PDB file of N, CA and C in Angstrom:
ATOM      1  N   MET A   1      16.660 -12.152 -24.850  1.00  0.00           N
ATOM      2  CA  MET A   1      15.940 -11.741 -26.034  1.00  0.00           C
ATOM      3  C   MET A   1      15.899 -10.212 -26.061  1.00  0.00           C
ATOM      4  N   PRO A   2      15.840  -9.654 -27.253  1.00  0.00           N
ATOM      5  CA  PRO A   2      15.831  -8.194 -27.367  1.00  0.00           C
ATOM      6  C   PRO A   2      14.646  -7.529 -26.659  1.00  0.00           C
ATOM      7  N   ASP A   3      13.497  -8.212 -26.586  1.00  0.00           N
ATOM      8  CA  ASP A   3      12.329  -7.594 -25.954  1.00  0.00           C
ATOM      9  C   ASP A   3      12.305  -7.795 -24.437  1.00  0.00           C
ATOM     10  N   GLY A   4      13.346  -8.386 -23.880  1.00  0.00           N
ATOM     11  CA  GLY A   4      13.418  -8.585 -22.441  1.00  0.00           C
ATOM     12  C   GLY A   4      12.807  -9.894 -21.965  1.00  0.00           C
ATOM     13  N   GLN A   5      12.172 -10.637 -22.863  1.00  0.00           N
ATOM     14  CA  GLN A   5      11.590 -11.927 -22.499  1.00  0.00           C
ATOM     15  C   GLN A   5      12.691 -12.988 -22.499  1.00  0.00           C
ATOM     16  N   PRO A   6      12.599 -13.974 -21.600  1.00  0.00           N
ATOM     17  CA  PRO A   6      13.610 -15.030 -21.634  1.00  0.00           C
ATOM     18  C   PRO A   6      13.447 -15.896 -22.883  1.00  0.00           C
ATOM     19  N   ALA A   7      14.545 -16.399 -23.368  1.00  0.00           N
ATOM     20  CA  ALA A   7      14.504 -17.281 -24.536  1.00  0.00           C
ATOM     21  C   ALA A   7      13.854 -18.604 -24.127  1.00  0.00           C
ATOM     22  N   PRO A   8      13.073 -19.208 -25.031  1.00  0.00           N
ATOM     23  CA  PRO A   8      12.462 -20.497 -24.694  1.00  0.00           C
ATOM     24  C   PRO A   8      13.534 -21.577 -24.546  1.00  0.00           C
ATOM     25  N   THR A   9      13.322 -22.465 -23.607  1.00  0.00           N
ATOM     26  CA  THR A   9      14.237 -23.575 -23.424  1.00  0.00           C
ATOM     27  C   THR A   9      13.972 -24.600 -24.514  1.00  0.00           C
ATOM     28  N   VAL A  10      15.013 -24.994 -25.208  1.00  0.00           N
ATOM     29  CA  VAL A  10      14.883 -26.002 -26.256  1.00  0.00           C
ATOM     30  C   VAL A  10      15.740 -27.209 -25.886  1.00  0.00           C
ATOM     31  N   MET A  11      15.294 -28.379 -26.338  1.00  0.00           N
ATOM     32  CA  MET A  11      15.986 -29.618 -26.020  1.00  0.00           C
ATOM     33  C   MET A  11      16.275 -30.403 -27.286  1.00  0.00           C
ATOM     34  N   THR A  12      17.352 -31.127 -27.255  1.00  0.00           N
ATOM     35  CA  THR A  12      17.665 -32.063 -28.328  1.00  0.00           C
ATOM     36  C   THR A  12      16.683 -33.237 -28.219  1.00  0.00           C
ATOM     37  N   PRO A  13      16.584 -34.061 -29.256  1.00  0.00           N
ATOM     38  CA  PRO A  13      15.723 -35.245 -29.144  1.00  0.00           C
ATOM     39  C   PRO A  13      16.101 -36.129 -27.951  1.00  0.00           C
ATOM     40  N   GLY A  14      17.381 -36.312 -27.715  1.00  0.00           N
ATOM     41  CA  GLY A  14      17.814 -37.122 -26.572  1.00  0.00           C
ATOM     42  C   GLY A  14      17.383 -36.530 -25.243  1.00  0.00           C
ATOM     43  N   GLU A  15      17.484 -35.209 -25.135  1.00  0.00           N
ATOM     44  CA  GLU A  15      17.050 -34.540 -23.912  1.00  0.00           C
ATOM     45  C   GLU A  15      15.537 -34.636 -23.748  1.00  0.00           C
ATOM     46  N   ALA A  16      14.805 -34.552 -24.864  1.00  0.00           N
ATOM     47  CA  ALA A  16      13.344 -34.685 -24.809  1.00  0.00           C
ATOM     48  C   ALA A  16      12.954 -36.092 -24.366  1.00  0.00           C
ATOM     49  N   VAL A  17      13.665 -37.107 -24.862  1.00  0.00           N
ATOM     50  CA  VAL A  17      13.421 -38.487 -24.434  1.00  0.00           C
ATOM     51  C   VAL A  17      13.621 -38.604 -22.926  1.00  0.00           C
ATOM     52  N   ALA A  18      14.707 -38.023 -22.428  1.00  0.00           N
ATOM     53  CA  ALA A  18      14.985 -38.082 -20.991  1.00  0.00           C
ATOM     54  C   ALA A  18      13.929 -37.315 -20.202  1.00  0.00           C
ATOM     55  N   PHE A  19      13.524 -36.142 -20.697  1.00  0.00           N
ATOM     56  CA  PHE A  19      12.518 -35.336 -20.009  1.00  0.00           C
ATOM     57  C   PHE A  19      11.198 -36.090 -19.891  1.00  0.00           C
ATOM     58  N   LEU A  20      10.792 -36.747 -20.985  1.00  0.00           N
ATOM     59  CA  LEU A  20       9.544 -37.510 -20.984  1.00  0.00           C
ATOM     60  C   LEU A  20       9.721 -38.895 -20.359  1.00  0.00           C
ATOM     61  N   ARG A  21      10.968 -39.245 -20.060  1.00  0.00           N
ATOM     62  CA  ARG A  21      11.333 -40.536 -19.469  1.00  0.00           C
ATOM     63  C   ARG A  21      10.944 -41.718 -20.354  1.00  0.00           C
ATOM     64  N   LEU A  22      10.962 -41.489 -21.639  1.00  0.00           N
ATOM     65  CA  LEU A  22      10.657 -42.566 -22.579  1.00  0.00           C
ATOM     66  C   LEU A  22      11.716 -43.660 -22.523  1.00  0.00           C
ATOM     67  N   ASP A  23      12.913 -43.286 -22.103  1.00  0.00           N
ATOM     68  CA  ASP A  23      14.001 -44.262 -22.004  1.00  0.00           C
ATOM     69  C   ASP A  23      13.844 -45.175 -20.795  1.00  0.00           C
ATOM     70  N   GLN A  24      12.862 -44.897 -19.944  1.00  0.00           N
ATOM     71  CA  GLN A  24      12.650 -45.700 -18.739  1.00  0.00           C
ATOM     72  C   GLN A  24      11.378 -46.541 -18.822  1.00  0.00           C
ATOM     73  N   THR A  25      10.750 -46.581 -19.973  1.00  0.00           N
ATOM     74  CA  THR A  25       9.466 -47.265 -20.086  1.00  0.00           C
ATOM     75  C   THR A  25       9.566 -48.618 -20.773  1.00  0.00           C
ATOM     76  N   GLY A  26      10.760 -49.003 -21.173  1.00  0.00           N
ATOM     77  CA  GLY A  26      10.929 -50.272 -21.854  1.00  0.00           C
ATOM     78  C   GLY A  26      10.699 -50.194 -23.354  1.00  0.00           C
ATOM     79  N   ILE A  27      10.500 -48.971 -23.869  1.00  0.00           N
ATOM     80  CA  ILE A  27      10.345 -48.783 -25.306  1.00  0.00           C
ATOM     81  C   ILE A  27      11.690 -49.094 -25.966  1.00  0.00           C
ATOM     82  N   LYS A  28      11.644 -49.867 -27.033  1.00  0.00           N
ATOM     83  CA  LYS A  28      12.878 -50.292 -27.697  1.00  0.00           C
ATOM     84  C   LYS A  28      13.662 -49.111 -28.264  1.00  0.00           C
ATOM     85  N   ASP A  29      12.982 -48.192 -28.947  1.00  0.00           N
ATOM     86  CA  ASP A  29      13.650 -47.022 -29.528  1.00  0.00           C
ATOM     87  C   ASP A  29      12.837 -45.768 -29.211  1.00  0.00           C
ATOM     88  N   PRO A  30      13.145 -45.106 -28.095  1.00  0.00           N
ATOM     89  CA  PRO A  30      12.375 -43.931 -27.692  1.00  0.00           C
ATOM     90  C   PRO A  30      12.372 -42.797 -28.718  1.00  0.00           C
ATOM     91  N   LEU A  31      13.437 -42.684 -29.521  1.00  0.00           N
ATOM     92  CA  LEU A  31      13.469 -41.638 -30.535  1.00  0.00           C
ATOM     93  C   LEU A  31      12.395 -41.863 -31.593  1.00  0.00           C
ATOM     94  N   LEU A  32      12.094 -43.129 -31.880  1.00  0.00           N
ATOM     95  CA  LEU A  32      11.005 -43.422 -32.813  1.00  0.00           C
ATOM     96  C   LEU A  32       9.657 -43.014 -32.226  1.00  0.00           C
ATOM     97  N   SER A  33       9.525 -43.109 -30.919  1.00  0.00           N
ATOM     98  CA  SER A  33       8.284 -42.666 -30.274  1.00  0.00           C
ATOM     99  C   SER A  33       8.106 -41.162 -30.445  1.00  0.00           C
ATOM    100  N   LEU A  34       9.182 -40.397 -30.276  1.00  0.00           N
ATOM    101  CA  LEU A  34       9.102 -38.943 -30.505  1.00  0.00           C
ATOM    102  C   LEU A  34       8.666 -38.660 -31.934  1.00  0.00           C
ATOM    103  N   ARG A  35       9.254 -39.368 -32.858  1.00  0.00           N
ATOM    104  CA  ARG A  35       8.902 -39.192 -34.268  1.00  0.00           C
ATOM    105  C   ARG A  35       7.430 -39.524 -34.507  1.00  0.00           C
ATOM    106  N   TYR A  36       6.953 -40.608 -33.920  1.00  0.00           N
ATOM    107  CA  TYR A  36       5.548 -41.002 -34.029  1.00  0.00           C
ATOM    108  C   TYR A  36       4.643 -39.886 -33.506  1.00  0.00           C
ATOM    109  N   TYR A  37       4.965 -39.350 -32.336  1.00  0.00           N
ATOM    110  CA  TYR A  37       4.151 -38.270 -31.759  1.00  0.00           C
ATOM    111  C   TYR A  37       4.148 -37.037 -32.666  1.00  0.00           C
ATOM    112  N   ARG A  38       5.289 -36.726 -33.285  1.00  0.00           N
ATOM    113  CA  ARG A  38       5.352 -35.594 -34.223  1.00  0.00           C
ATOM    114  C   ARG A  38       4.494 -35.864 -35.447  1.00  0.00           C
ATOM    115  N   GLU A  39       4.637 -37.047 -36.029  1.00  0.00           N
ATOM    116  CA  GLU A  39       3.901 -37.366 -37.250  1.00  0.00           C
ATOM    117  C   GLU A  39       2.398 -37.402 -37.028  1.00  0.00           C
ATOM    118  N   LYS A  40       1.973 -37.763 -35.834  1.00  0.00           N
ATOM    119  CA  LYS A  40       0.541 -37.774 -35.490  1.00  0.00           C
ATOM    120  C   LYS A  40       0.034 -36.394 -35.091  1.00  0.00           C
ATOM    121  N   GLY A  41       0.934 -35.416 -35.019  1.00  0.00           N
ATOM    122  CA  GLY A  41       0.546 -34.065 -34.639  1.00  0.00           C
ATOM    123  C   GLY A  41       0.328 -33.890 -33.147  1.00  0.00           C
ATOM    124  N   LEU A  42       0.821 -34.825 -32.359  1.00  0.00           N
ATOM    125  CA  LEU A  42       0.648 -34.758 -30.912  1.00  0.00           C
ATOM    126  C   LEU A  42       1.734 -33.936 -30.226  1.00  0.00           C
ATOM    127  N   LEU A  43       2.861 -33.802 -30.889  1.00  0.00           N
ATOM    128  CA  LEU A  43       4.011 -33.099 -30.333  1.00  0.00           C
ATOM    129  C   LEU A  43       4.672 -32.307 -31.444  1.00  0.00           C
ATOM    130  N   LYS A  44       5.065 -31.095 -31.135  1.00  0.00           N
ATOM    131  CA  LYS A  44       5.721 -30.243 -32.122  1.00  0.00           C
ATOM    132  C   LYS A  44       7.234 -30.333 -31.977  1.00  0.00           C
ATOM    133  N   GLY A  45       7.897 -30.365 -33.109  1.00  0.00           N
ATOM    134  CA  GLY A  45       9.342 -30.226 -33.151  1.00  0.00           C
ATOM    135  C   GLY A  45       9.665 -28.954 -33.908  1.00  0.00           C
ATOM    136  N   VAL A  46      10.806 -28.374 -33.612  1.00  0.00           N
ATOM    137  CA  VAL A  46      11.212 -27.120 -34.246  1.00  0.00           C
ATOM    138  C   VAL A  46      12.566 -27.338 -34.908  1.00  0.00           C
ATOM    139  N   LYS A  47      12.658 -27.002 -36.184  1.00  0.00           N
ATOM    140  CA  LYS A  47      13.947 -27.080 -36.879  1.00  0.00           C
ATOM    141  C   LYS A  47      14.720 -25.797 -36.598  1.00  0.00           C
ATOM    142  N   ILE A  48      15.921 -25.959 -36.097  1.00  0.00           N
ATOM    143  CA  ILE A  48      16.843 -24.835 -35.910  1.00  0.00           C
ATOM    144  C   ILE A  48      18.055 -25.182 -36.753  1.00  0.00           C
ATOM    145  N   GLY A  49      18.168 -24.514 -37.875  1.00  0.00           N
ATOM    146  CA  GLY A  49      19.184 -24.906 -38.846  1.00  0.00           C
ATOM    147  C   GLY A  49      18.806 -26.268 -39.389  1.00  0.00           C
ATOM    148  N   LEU A  50      19.702 -27.210 -39.292  1.00  0.00           N
ATOM    149  CA  LEU A  50      19.427 -28.569 -39.748  1.00  0.00           C
ATOM    150  C   LEU A  50      19.038 -29.493 -38.599  1.00  0.00           C
ATOM    151  N   LYS A  51      18.981 -28.970 -37.396  1.00  0.00           N
ATOM    152  CA  LYS A  51      18.742 -29.787 -36.213  1.00  0.00           C
ATOM    153  C   LYS A  51      17.305 -29.665 -35.724  1.00  0.00           C
ATOM    154  N   LEU A  52      16.762 -30.774 -35.245  1.00  0.00           N
ATOM    155  CA  LEU A  52      15.425 -30.797 -34.675  1.00  0.00           C
ATOM    156  C   LEU A  52      15.536 -30.577 -33.174  1.00  0.00           C
ATOM    157  N   ARG A  53      14.704 -29.703 -32.675  1.00  0.00           N
ATOM    158  CA  ARG A  53      14.684 -29.405 -31.245  1.00  0.00           C
ATOM    159  C   ARG A  53      13.240 -29.408 -30.764  1.00  0.00           C
ATOM    160  N   TYR A  54      13.079 -29.521 -29.458  1.00  0.00           N
ATOM    161  CA  TYR A  54      11.762 -29.497 -28.827  1.00  0.00           C
ATOM    162  C   TYR A  54      11.750 -28.398 -27.782  1.00  0.00           C
ATOM    163  N   ARG A  55      10.712 -27.557 -27.833  1.00  0.00           N
ATOM    164  CA  ARG A  55      10.582 -26.520 -26.818  1.00  0.00           C
ATOM    165  C   ARG A  55      10.023 -27.140 -25.546  1.00  0.00           C
ATOM    166  N   LEU A  56      10.546 -26.709 -24.427  1.00  0.00           N
ATOM    167  CA  LEU A  56      10.078 -27.211 -23.143  1.00  0.00           C
ATOM    168  C   LEU A  56       8.573 -26.991 -22.998  1.00  0.00           C
ATOM    169  N   THR A  57       8.084 -25.845 -23.437  1.00  0.00           N
ATOM    170  CA  THR A  57       6.655 -25.561 -23.308  1.00  0.00           C
ATOM    171  C   THR A  57       5.820 -26.554 -24.112  1.00  0.00           C
ATOM    172  N   ASP A  58       6.297 -26.972 -25.284  1.00  0.00           N
ATOM    173  CA  ASP A  58       5.568 -27.957 -26.092  1.00  0.00           C
ATOM    174  C   ASP A  58       5.557 -29.324 -25.415  1.00  0.00           C
ATOM    175  N   LEU A  59       6.670 -29.685 -24.784  1.00  0.00           N
ATOM    176  CA  LEU A  59       6.726 -30.964 -24.074  1.00  0.00           C
ATOM    177  C   LEU A  59       5.775 -30.972 -22.882  1.00  0.00           C
ATOM    178  N   VAL A  60       5.722 -29.868 -22.158  1.00  0.00           N
ATOM    179  CA  VAL A  60       4.819 -29.769 -21.009  1.00  0.00           C
ATOM    180  C   VAL A  60       3.370 -29.805 -21.482  1.00  0.00           C
ATOM    181  N   ASP A  61       3.061 -29.097 -22.571  1.00  0.00           N
ATOM    182  CA  ASP A  61       1.701 -29.136 -23.127  1.00  0.00           C
ATOM    183  C   ASP A  61       1.320 -30.554 -23.539  1.00  0.00           C
ATOM    184  N   PHE A  62       2.252 -31.274 -24.143  1.00  0.00           N
ATOM    185  CA  PHE A  62       2.026 -32.658 -24.544  1.00  0.00           C
ATOM    186  C   PHE A  62       1.676 -33.512 -23.325  1.00  0.00           C
ATOM    187  N   LEU A  63       2.448 -33.357 -22.247  1.00  0.00           N
ATOM    188  CA  LEU A  63       2.166 -34.107 -21.023  1.00  0.00           C
ATOM    189  C   LEU A  63       0.820 -33.727 -20.427  1.00  0.00           C
ATOM    190  N   ASP A  64       0.484 -32.449 -20.470  1.00  0.00           N
ATOM    191  CA  ASP A  64      -0.809 -31.993 -19.948  1.00  0.00           C
ATOM    192  C   ASP A  64      -1.965 -32.631 -20.717  1.00  0.00           C
ATOM    193  N   ARG A  65      -1.842 -32.689 -22.042  1.00  0.00           N
ATOM    194  CA  ARG A  65      -2.896 -33.316 -22.852  1.00  0.00           C
ATOM    195  C   ARG A  65      -3.024 -34.805 -22.537  1.00  0.00           C
ATOM    196  N   LEU A  66      -1.903 -35.485 -22.359  1.00  0.00           N
ATOM    197  CA  LEU A  66      -1.957 -36.902 -22.007  1.00  0.00           C
ATOM    198  C   LEU A  66      -2.597 -37.110 -20.640  1.00  0.00           C
ATOM    199  N   ALA A  67      -2.298 -36.219 -19.709  1.00  0.00           N
ATOM    200  CA  ALA A  67      -2.895 -36.321 -18.370  1.00  0.00           C
ATOM    201  C   ALA A  67      -4.396 -36.108 -18.431  1.00  0.00           C
ATOM    202  N   GLU A  68      -4.833 -35.126 -19.233  1.00  0.00           N
ATOM    203  CA  GLU A  68      -6.276 -34.875 -19.379  1.00  0.00           C
ATOM    204  C   GLU A  68      -6.984 -36.079 -19.978  1.00  0.00           C
ATOM    205  N   GLU A  69      -6.373 -36.688 -20.997  1.00  0.00           N
ATOM    206  CA  GLU A  69      -6.974 -37.852 -21.639  1.00  0.00           C
ATOM    207  C   GLU A  69      -7.066 -39.037 -20.693  1.00  0.00           C
ATOM    208  N   SER A  70      -6.061 -39.187 -19.832  1.00  0.00           N
ATOM    209  CA  SER A  70      -6.077 -40.341 -18.928  1.00  0.00           C
ATOM    210  C   SER A  70      -7.083 -40.166 -17.789  1.00  0.00           C
ATOM    211  N   GLU A  71      -7.476 -38.919 -17.533  1.00  0.00           N
ATOM    212  CA  GLU A  71      -8.488 -38.656 -16.496  1.00  0.00           C
ATOM    213  C   GLU A  71      -9.896 -38.966 -16.985  1.00  0.00           C
ATOM    214  N   GLN A  72     -10.096 -39.018 -18.280  1.00  0.00           N
ATOM    215  CA  GLN A  72     -11.433 -39.227 -18.816  1.00  0.00           C
ATOM    216  C   GLN A  72     -11.829 -40.674 -18.810  1.00  0.00           C
TER     217      GLN A  72
END
């Protein structure tokens, strides 16, 4: 990046599914789960051109929120 900061890591929907391991939970269509989380405002997606991507930091924040909720 021009300011010396590293560029954020972005993932395709398939990579986000693998990162969250949604493909290992027995969910029939993990991509629909990502869409559900986006539509509910639980997870952010970023449009880059015509493609949807997920920032690694947003995925980690999503997992952190789920972990906090499960502790309660």
